[in-house]
């Protein structure tokens, strides 16, 4: 399935939408500007009898819509999933710094759940089974297992890269060029 990256007028990612949804925005003249190296898809419609021309919409891989979004998405944190956490942490255990396959890593609470630790980006890191078992329900300091990297909340642009969709190279480059300095996804 091909997806279009929908932006607001200022260039802030809003959602992944289908090409059909994007075509609706083109048809209603809601698209302010577009990006990408060529169309994602060309949609063909009916013929105008008076002019003898077929309607054609070239759907770009990135479109910005006119107007302002109703929600300030910078105030909304990105949704959490194990897959996104592992990508953010580059499949690297936060304690031994070794790289593992997805199936060999776990979501590890820095402040254990049993002691009030929450399922939030800043309290979770990827950890291998051995390190997670060794740390148990202690803090890294108590277990004498310092973190090799710190957790963080992904930026809006990182969140769209972490989404796990098959992203066209030009869309990936566009998002990557807007990553914060020091991002692990750069």
Protein backbone atom coordinates (compact mmCIF):
# COMPACT_ATOMS: atom_id res chain seq x y z
CA UNK A 1 0.00 0.00 0.00
CA UNK A 2 1.39 3.39 -0.98
CA UNK A 3 0.84 6.26 1.41
CA UNK A 4 0.99 10.01 1.08
CA UNK A 5 2.54 12.12 3.82
CA UNK A 6 0.02 14.84 4.67
CA UNK A 7 1.42 18.06 6.10
CA UNK A 8 -0.13 21.24 7.39
CA UNK A 9 0.58 24.51 5.58
CA UNK A 10 3.70 25.03 7.72
CA UNK A 11 5.17 21.64 6.78
CA UNK A 12 4.40 19.74 9.98
CA UNK A 13 3.53 16.07 9.39
CA UNK A 14 -0.11 15.37 10.20
CA UNK A 15 -0.88 11.85 8.97
CA UNK A 16 -0.25 9.10 6.45
CA UNK A 17 -3.18 9.08 4.04
CA UNK A 18 -4.18 6.95 1.08
CA UNK A 19 -3.71 8.21 -2.49
CA UNK A 20 -7.52 8.29 -2.80
CA UNK A 21 -7.75 10.65 0.19
CA UNK A 22 -5.02 12.80 -1.36
CA UNK A 23 -6.93 12.89 -4.67
CA UNK A 24 -9.93 14.27 -2.79
CA UNK A 25 -7.74 17.08 -1.45
CA UNK A 26 -6.51 17.83 -4.99
CA UNK A 27 -10.09 17.79 -6.34
CA UNK A 28 -11.27 20.24 -3.66
CA UNK A 29 -8.23 22.50 -4.23
CA UNK A 30 -7.06 21.94 -0.65
CA UNK A 31 -3.43 21.20 -1.60
CA UNK A 32 -1.24 24.26 -1.02
CA UNK A 33 2.05 22.71 -2.13
CA UNK A 34 3.63 19.34 -2.75
CA UNK A 35 7.05 17.68 -2.56
CA UNK A 36 8.67 14.61 -4.02
CA UNK A 37 10.56 13.49 -7.07
CA UNK A 38 7.68 12.68 -9.35
CA UNK A 39 4.15 11.48 -8.72
CA UNK A 40 3.39 8.62 -6.37
CA UNK A 41 0.43 7.73 -8.53
CA UNK A 42 -1.49 9.06 -11.51
CA UNK A 43 -5.26 8.77 -11.22
CA UNK A 44 -7.42 9.01 -14.32
CA UNK A 45 -11.06 9.98 -14.33
CA UNK A 46 -13.75 10.56 -16.91
CA UNK A 47 -13.69 12.65 -20.09
CA UNK A 48 -15.01 16.18 -20.37
CA UNK A 49 -17.31 15.98 -23.40
CA UNK A 50 -17.08 19.72 -24.13
CA UNK A 51 -13.28 19.75 -24.23
CA UNK A 52 -12.60 16.08 -25.02
CA UNK A 53 -10.04 15.87 -22.20
CA UNK A 54 -9.69 13.17 -19.58
CA UNK A 55 -9.34 14.32 -15.97
CA UNK A 56 -5.95 13.35 -14.50
CA UNK A 57 -4.61 13.84 -10.97
CA UNK A 58 -0.92 13.28 -10.29
CA UNK A 59 -0.70 12.48 -6.58
CA UNK A 60 2.59 13.64 -5.02
CA UNK A 61 4.13 11.59 -2.18
CA UNK A 62 4.04 14.65 0.13
CA UNK A 63 1.21 17.20 0.18
CA UNK A 64 0.61 20.24 2.36
CA UNK A 65 -2.98 21.30 2.94
CA UNK A 66 -4.30 24.84 3.10
CA UNK A 67 -5.54 26.23 6.40
CA UNK A 68 -4.46 25.37 9.90
CA UNK A 69 -4.71 22.07 11.71
CA UNK A 70 -7.25 21.92 14.50
CA UNK A 71 -4.79 20.17 16.83
CA UNK A 72 -1.26 21.32 17.62
CA UNK A 73 0.49 18.01 17.06
CA UNK A 74 3.63 19.25 18.81
CA UNK A 75 1.57 19.01 22.01
CA UNK A 76 0.61 15.39 21.25
CA UNK A 77 3.29 12.81 21.96
CA UNK A 78 3.90 10.03 19.44
CA UNK A 79 2.14 6.75 20.11
CA UNK A 80 4.27 4.07 21.72
CA UNK A 81 4.84 0.56 20.37
CA UNK A 82 7.60 -1.96 20.96
CA UNK A 83 8.57 -1.81 17.28
CA UNK A 84 8.99 1.98 17.45
CA UNK A 85 11.03 1.72 20.65
CA UNK A 86 13.39 -0.83 19.10
CA UNK A 87 13.86 1.38 16.02
CA UNK A 88 14.47 4.44 18.18
CA UNK A 89 17.10 2.52 20.15
CA UNK A 90 18.56 0.93 16.98
CA UNK A 91 17.99 -2.58 18.37
CA UNK A 92 20.73 -1.92 20.91
CA UNK A 93 20.52 -3.09 24.51
CA UNK A 94 20.71 -0.05 26.80
CA UNK A 95 22.90 -1.94 29.28
CA UNK A 96 25.38 -4.11 27.33
CA UNK A 97 25.34 -2.08 24.06
CA UNK A 98 25.03 -5.19 21.90
CA UNK A 99 22.75 -5.19 18.85
CA UNK A 100 20.01 -7.85 18.76
CA UNK A 101 17.16 -9.01 16.55
CA UNK A 102 13.70 -7.67 17.47
CA UNK A 103 12.65 -11.01 18.96
CA UNK A 104 15.60 -10.96 21.40
CA UNK A 105 14.86 -7.53 22.87
CA UNK A 106 12.36 -6.42 25.47
CA UNK A 107 10.86 -3.11 26.57
CA UNK A 108 12.67 -2.36 29.82
CA UNK A 109 11.45 0.12 32.42
CA UNK A 110 14.24 2.27 33.86
CA UNK A 111 12.11 2.89 36.94
CA UNK A 112 10.42 -0.52 37.31
CA UNK A 113 6.66 -0.80 36.93
CA UNK A 114 6.49 -2.36 40.39
CA UNK A 115 7.82 0.95 41.77
CA UNK A 116 5.57 3.27 39.79
CA UNK A 117 7.46 3.35 36.48
CA UNK A 118 5.18 4.14 33.56
CA UNK A 119 4.95 3.07 29.92
CA UNK A 120 6.30 6.35 28.55
CA UNK A 121 9.09 7.06 26.07
CA UNK A 122 11.37 8.58 28.72
CA UNK A 123 11.12 5.56 31.04
CA UNK A 124 11.62 2.82 28.46
CA UNK A 125 14.65 1.43 26.67
CA UNK A 126 15.43 -1.70 24.69
CA UNK A 127 17.15 -4.43 26.71
CA UNK A 128 18.24 -7.98 25.99
CA UNK A 129 16.78 -10.78 28.09
CA UNK A 130 20.00 -11.34 30.04
CA UNK A 131 20.36 -7.71 31.07
CA UNK A 132 16.65 -7.32 31.81
CA UNK A 133 16.75 -10.40 34.08
CA UNK A 134 19.91 -9.19 35.79
CA UNK A 135 18.46 -5.73 36.48
CA UNK A 136 15.16 -7.15 37.75
CA UNK A 137 13.00 -4.62 39.64
CA UNK A 138 15.83 -2.24 40.51
CA UNK A 139 16.92 1.07 39.07
CA UNK A 140 20.08 1.08 36.92
CA UNK A 141 21.97 2.68 39.83
CA UNK A 142 20.82 0.03 42.31
CA UNK A 143 21.73 -2.75 39.87
CA UNK A 144 25.08 -1.07 39.05
CA UNK A 145 24.12 -1.20 35.37
CA UNK A 146 24.51 2.28 33.89
CA UNK A 147 22.61 3.13 30.72
CA UNK A 148 24.77 3.38 27.59
CA UNK A 149 22.24 5.83 26.07
CA UNK A 150 19.38 7.91 27.38
CA UNK A 151 15.74 7.49 26.37
CA UNK A 152 13.90 10.38 24.74
CA UNK A 153 10.54 11.24 23.22
CA UNK A 154 10.83 11.10 19.41
CA UNK A 155 10.21 14.35 17.56
CA UNK A 156 7.24 14.68 15.21
CA UNK A 157 9.48 13.93 12.21
CA UNK A 158 11.13 10.94 13.94
CA UNK A 159 7.70 9.56 14.83
CA UNK A 160 6.71 9.42 11.15
CA UNK A 161 9.95 7.59 10.31
CA UNK A 162 9.37 5.18 13.22
CA UNK A 163 5.87 4.40 11.98
CA UNK A 164 7.26 1.40 10.11
CA UNK A 165 5.68 2.04 6.75
CA UNK A 166 7.45 1.45 3.47
CA UNK A 167 8.54 4.98 2.76
CA UNK A 168 9.71 6.17 -0.65
CA UNK A 169 13.32 7.34 -0.68
CA UNK A 170 12.37 10.97 -1.42
CA UNK A 171 9.87 11.05 1.46
CA UNK A 172 12.43 9.45 3.78
CA UNK A 173 15.02 12.06 2.78
CA UNK A 174 12.51 14.87 3.32
CA UNK A 175 11.69 13.65 6.84
CA UNK A 176 15.33 12.84 7.68
CA UNK A 177 16.44 16.34 6.64
CA UNK A 178 14.19 17.73 9.39
CA UNK A 179 15.34 15.46 12.22
CA UNK A 180 16.65 17.16 15.35
CA UNK A 181 20.40 17.39 15.74
CA UNK A 182 21.71 14.25 17.46
CA UNK A 183 18.76 12.07 16.47
CA UNK A 184 19.52 8.34 16.54
CA UNK A 185 17.56 7.99 13.31
CA UNK A 186 19.85 10.30 11.31
